[in-house]
Each structure stands twice: as C-alpha cells, then as structure tokens.
Amino acid sequence: MPAEDVTNTEALLFGRFNPRGSRTVIQFQYGQTKKYGHVTPTYPEEEWFGYEVNVEEELAEELCTGTDYRFRVMARSKVGTAYGKDCTFKTRGRAKAHPGHCAQ
C-alpha cells in the first residue's frame, strides 16, 4: 500500500495484514535503506484480532526534505513476525546538505 499526503517532512503510511484470528501487535518500519532504522510506536497500542486489517500511521515532522524513504508494516504474534511489502515514497522539497534532526 502506498504512502499518501506526503509533504516536506510528513507522510501517512498505509499497510494491510491478516492476523488470522491471533493476537497481533503491529508497527511500521521506515528509513532510507532496506535496513529501515526506525520503528513507529505499537499501533494503536492494543492487540488486533480478526482477519484482513488495514492500518495507517502518520509520520509527523520527522522526515528529511527531498529524501527517498522505504517502509513496511511489521506484525508480531505468538506464531512469529511477518513483514509487509517494501514500499517507497519521496518527501517534497529540496534535500538539505545538513538535514539536522530528521529521520535518516
């Protein structure tokens, strides 16, 4: 699933997973490489049950301008950890030589 509402420093991430009826905790991994490097807080701070769940997470004012990012959803249950498809997006604006305090 794609990222939407991408600005210079923000993006809204979407993911889908199927907990297959098991208690499942989800998060998003994101960063500038396939190593990601950043993980969102547990979403939405509760456990999921059921089938075919769609989730979203807003990365607010954390991202570097003009930068390519990768992300994927991560679901953990007693069965193990599953990862969603690797997706990409690019923030708007011109990349800065010294980005300061943003997710790299």
C-alpha atoms as a PDB file:
ATOM      1  CA  MET A   1       0.000   0.000   0.000  1.00  0.00           C
ATOM      2  CA  PRO A   2       1.319   3.470  -0.761  1.00  0.00           C
ATOM      3  CA  ALA A   3       2.182   6.466   1.387  1.00  0.00           C
ATOM      4  CA  GLU A   4      -0.177   9.418   0.972  1.00  0.00           C
ATOM      5  CA  ASP A   5      -0.338  13.081   1.960  1.00  0.00           C
ATOM      6  CA  VAL A   6       3.450  13.320   1.607  1.00  0.00           C
ATOM      7  CA  THR A   7       4.842  16.780   2.436  1.00  0.00           C
ATOM      8  CA  ASN A   8       8.364  18.079   3.066  1.00  0.00           C
ATOM      9  CA  THR A   9       8.567  16.420   6.495  1.00  0.00           C
ATOM     10  CA  GLU A  10       5.461  14.227   6.888  1.00  0.00           C
ATOM     11  CA  ALA A  11       3.801  11.186   5.330  1.00  0.00           C
ATOM     12  CA  LEU A  12       0.816   8.973   6.024  1.00  0.00           C
ATOM     13  CA  LEU A  13       1.773   5.292   5.756  1.00  0.00           C
ATOM     14  CA  PHE A  14      -0.712   2.528   4.970  1.00  0.00           C
ATOM     15  CA  GLY A  15      -0.395  -1.196   5.484  1.00  0.00           C
ATOM     16  CA  ARG A  16      -2.520  -4.328   5.470  1.00  0.00           C
ATOM     17  CA  PHE A  17      -2.078  -7.557   7.369  1.00  0.00           C
ATOM     18  CA  ASN A  18      -4.015 -10.673   8.235  1.00  0.00           C
ATOM     19  CA  PRO A  19      -3.674 -11.730  11.888  1.00  0.00           C
ATOM     20  CA  ARG A  20      -5.547 -14.957  11.090  1.00  0.00           C
ATOM     21  CA  GLY A  21      -7.504 -14.698  14.291  1.00  0.00           C
ATOM     22  CA  SER A  22      -4.409 -14.400  16.525  1.00  0.00           C
ATOM     23  CA  ARG A  23      -3.488 -11.580  18.886  1.00  0.00           C
ATOM     24  CA  THR A  24      -1.178  -9.407  16.800  1.00  0.00           C
ATOM     25  CA  VAL A  25       0.841  -6.283  17.540  1.00  0.00           C
ATOM     26  CA  ILE A  26       1.741  -4.083  14.566  1.00  0.00           C
ATOM     27  CA  GLN A  27       4.240  -1.347  13.795  1.00  0.00           C
ATOM     28  CA  PHE A  28       5.782   0.286  10.740  1.00  0.00           C
ATOM     29  CA  GLN A  29       9.483   0.165   9.966  1.00  0.00           C
ATOM     30  CA  TYR A  30      10.837   3.088   7.911  1.00  0.00           C
ATOM     31  CA  GLY A  31      14.099   4.679   6.840  1.00  0.00           C
ATOM     32  CA  GLN A  32      16.289   5.480   3.860  1.00  0.00           C
ATOM     33  CA  THR A  33      17.539   1.922   3.259  1.00  0.00           C
ATOM     34  CA  LYS A  34      16.181  -1.629   3.478  1.00  0.00           C
ATOM     35  CA  LYS A  35      17.646  -1.744   6.976  1.00  0.00           C
ATOM     36  CA  TYR A  36      14.942   0.862   7.784  1.00  0.00           C
ATOM     37  CA  GLY A  37      16.411   2.023  11.126  1.00  0.00           C
ATOM     38  CA  HIS A  38      13.198   3.492  12.586  1.00  0.00           C
ATOM     39  CA  VAL A  39      10.111   1.842  14.076  1.00  0.00           C
ATOM     40  CA  THR A  40       6.821   3.511  14.928  1.00  0.00           C
ATOM     41  CA  PRO A  41       5.214   3.010  18.333  1.00  0.00           C
ATOM     42  CA  THR A  42       2.958  -0.035  18.636  1.00  0.00           C
ATOM     43  CA  TYR A  43      -0.179   0.722  16.662  1.00  0.00           C
ATOM     44  CA  PRO A  44      -2.649   1.597  18.080  1.00  0.00           C
ATOM     45  CA  GLU A  45      -1.307   0.479  21.437  1.00  0.00           C
ATOM     46  CA  GLU A  46      -3.583  -2.528  21.524  1.00  0.00           C
ATOM     47  CA  GLU A  47      -3.618  -6.014  20.106  1.00  0.00           C
ATOM     48  CA  TRP A  48      -5.538  -6.954  16.975  1.00  0.00           C
ATOM     49  CA  PHE A  49      -7.766  -9.930  16.352  1.00  0.00           C
ATOM     50  CA  GLY A  50      -9.618 -10.914  13.185  1.00  0.00           C
ATOM     51  CA  TYR A  51      -8.892 -11.055   9.503  1.00  0.00           C
ATOM     52  CA  GLU A  52      -7.670  -8.568   6.857  1.00  0.00           C
ATOM     53  CA  VAL A  53      -6.908  -5.453   8.869  1.00  0.00           C
ATOM     54  CA  ASN A  54      -5.924  -2.127   7.267  1.00  0.00           C
ATOM     55  CA  VAL A  55      -3.755   0.233   9.320  1.00  0.00           C
ATOM     56  CA  GLU A  56      -2.250   3.687   8.934  1.00  0.00           C
ATOM     57  CA  GLU A  57       0.425   5.699  10.720  1.00  0.00           C
ATOM     58  CA  GLU A  58       1.280   9.373  10.398  1.00  0.00           C
ATOM     59  CA  LEU A  59       4.952  10.314  10.478  1.00  0.00           C
ATOM     60  CA  ALA A  60       4.649  13.934  11.567  1.00  0.00           C
ATOM     61  CA  GLU A  61       7.559  16.346  11.163  1.00  0.00           C
ATOM     62  CA  GLU A  62      10.164  13.582  11.456  1.00  0.00           C
ATOM     63  CA  LEU A  63      11.311  13.231   7.855  1.00  0.00           C
ATOM     64  CA  CYS A  64      14.076  14.961   5.877  1.00  0.00           C
ATOM     65  CA  THR A  65      13.005  17.102   2.907  1.00  0.00           C
ATOM     66  CA  GLY A  66      13.586  15.829  -0.634  1.00  0.00           C
ATOM     67  CA  THR A  67      14.514  12.362   0.574  1.00  0.00           C
ATOM     68  CA  ASP A  68      13.637   8.843  -0.589  1.00  0.00           C
ATOM     69  CA  TYR A  69      12.203   6.602   2.144  1.00  0.00           C
ATOM     70  CA  ARG A  70      11.246   2.947   2.404  1.00  0.00           C
ATOM     71  CA  PHE A  71       8.667   1.456   4.749  1.00  0.00           C
ATOM     72  CA  ARG A  72       6.814  -1.747   5.538  1.00  0.00           C
ATOM     73  CA  VAL A  73       4.311  -2.970   8.093  1.00  0.00           C
ATOM     74  CA  MET A  74       5.535  -5.461  10.707  1.00  0.00           C
ATOM     75  CA  ALA A  75       3.125  -7.788  12.534  1.00  0.00           C
ATOM     76  CA  ARG A  76       4.130  -9.876  15.558  1.00  0.00           C
ATOM     77  CA  SER A  77       2.141 -12.680  17.173  1.00  0.00           C
ATOM     78  CA  LYS A  78       2.798 -15.878  19.100  1.00  0.00           C
ATOM     79  CA  VAL A  79       3.370 -17.537  15.709  1.00  0.00           C
ATOM     80  CA  GLY A  80       6.232 -15.161  14.850  1.00  0.00           C
ATOM     81  CA  THR A  81       6.907 -11.927  12.979  1.00  0.00           C
ATOM     82  CA  ALA A  82       5.667 -11.176   9.461  1.00  0.00           C
ATOM     83  CA  TYR A  83       6.684  -8.268   7.241  1.00  0.00           C
ATOM     84  CA  GLY A  84       4.694  -6.473   4.567  1.00  0.00           C
ATOM     85  CA  LYS A  85       5.857  -5.424   1.142  1.00  0.00           C
ATOM     86  CA  ASP A  86       8.735  -2.937   0.928  1.00  0.00           C
ATOM     87  CA  CYS A  87       7.251   0.368  -0.294  1.00  0.00           C
ATOM     88  CA  THR A  88       8.855   3.702  -1.165  1.00  0.00           C
ATOM     89  CA  PHE A  89       7.994   7.399  -1.225  1.00  0.00           C
ATOM     90  CA  LYS A  90       9.894  10.682  -1.542  1.00  0.00           C
ATOM     91  CA  THR A  91       9.317  13.738   0.600  1.00  0.00           C
ATOM     92  CA  ARG A  92       8.790  17.030  -1.163  1.00  0.00           C
ATOM     93  CA  GLY A  93      11.234  19.892  -1.337  1.00  0.00           C
ATOM     94  CA  ARG A  94      14.945  20.107  -1.899  1.00  0.00           C
ATOM     95  CA  ALA A  95      17.279  17.848   0.070  1.00  0.00           C
ATOM     96  CA  LYS A  96      19.497  19.714   2.536  1.00  0.00           C
ATOM     97  CA  ALA A  97      23.253  19.136   2.783  1.00  0.00           C
ATOM     98  CA  HIS A  98      22.953  19.065   6.601  1.00  0.00           C
ATOM     99  CA  PRO A  99      19.449  17.758   7.334  1.00  0.00           C
ATOM    100  CA  GLY A 100      19.552  18.349  11.097  1.00  0.00           C
ATOM    101  CA  HIS A 101      17.229  16.354  13.296  1.00  0.00           C
ATOM    102  CA  CYS A 102      15.225  14.237  10.889  1.00  0.00           C
ATOM    103  CA  ALA A 103      14.809  10.513  10.279  1.00  0.00           C
ATOM    104  CA  GLN A 104      17.709   9.291   8.171  1.00  0.00           C
END
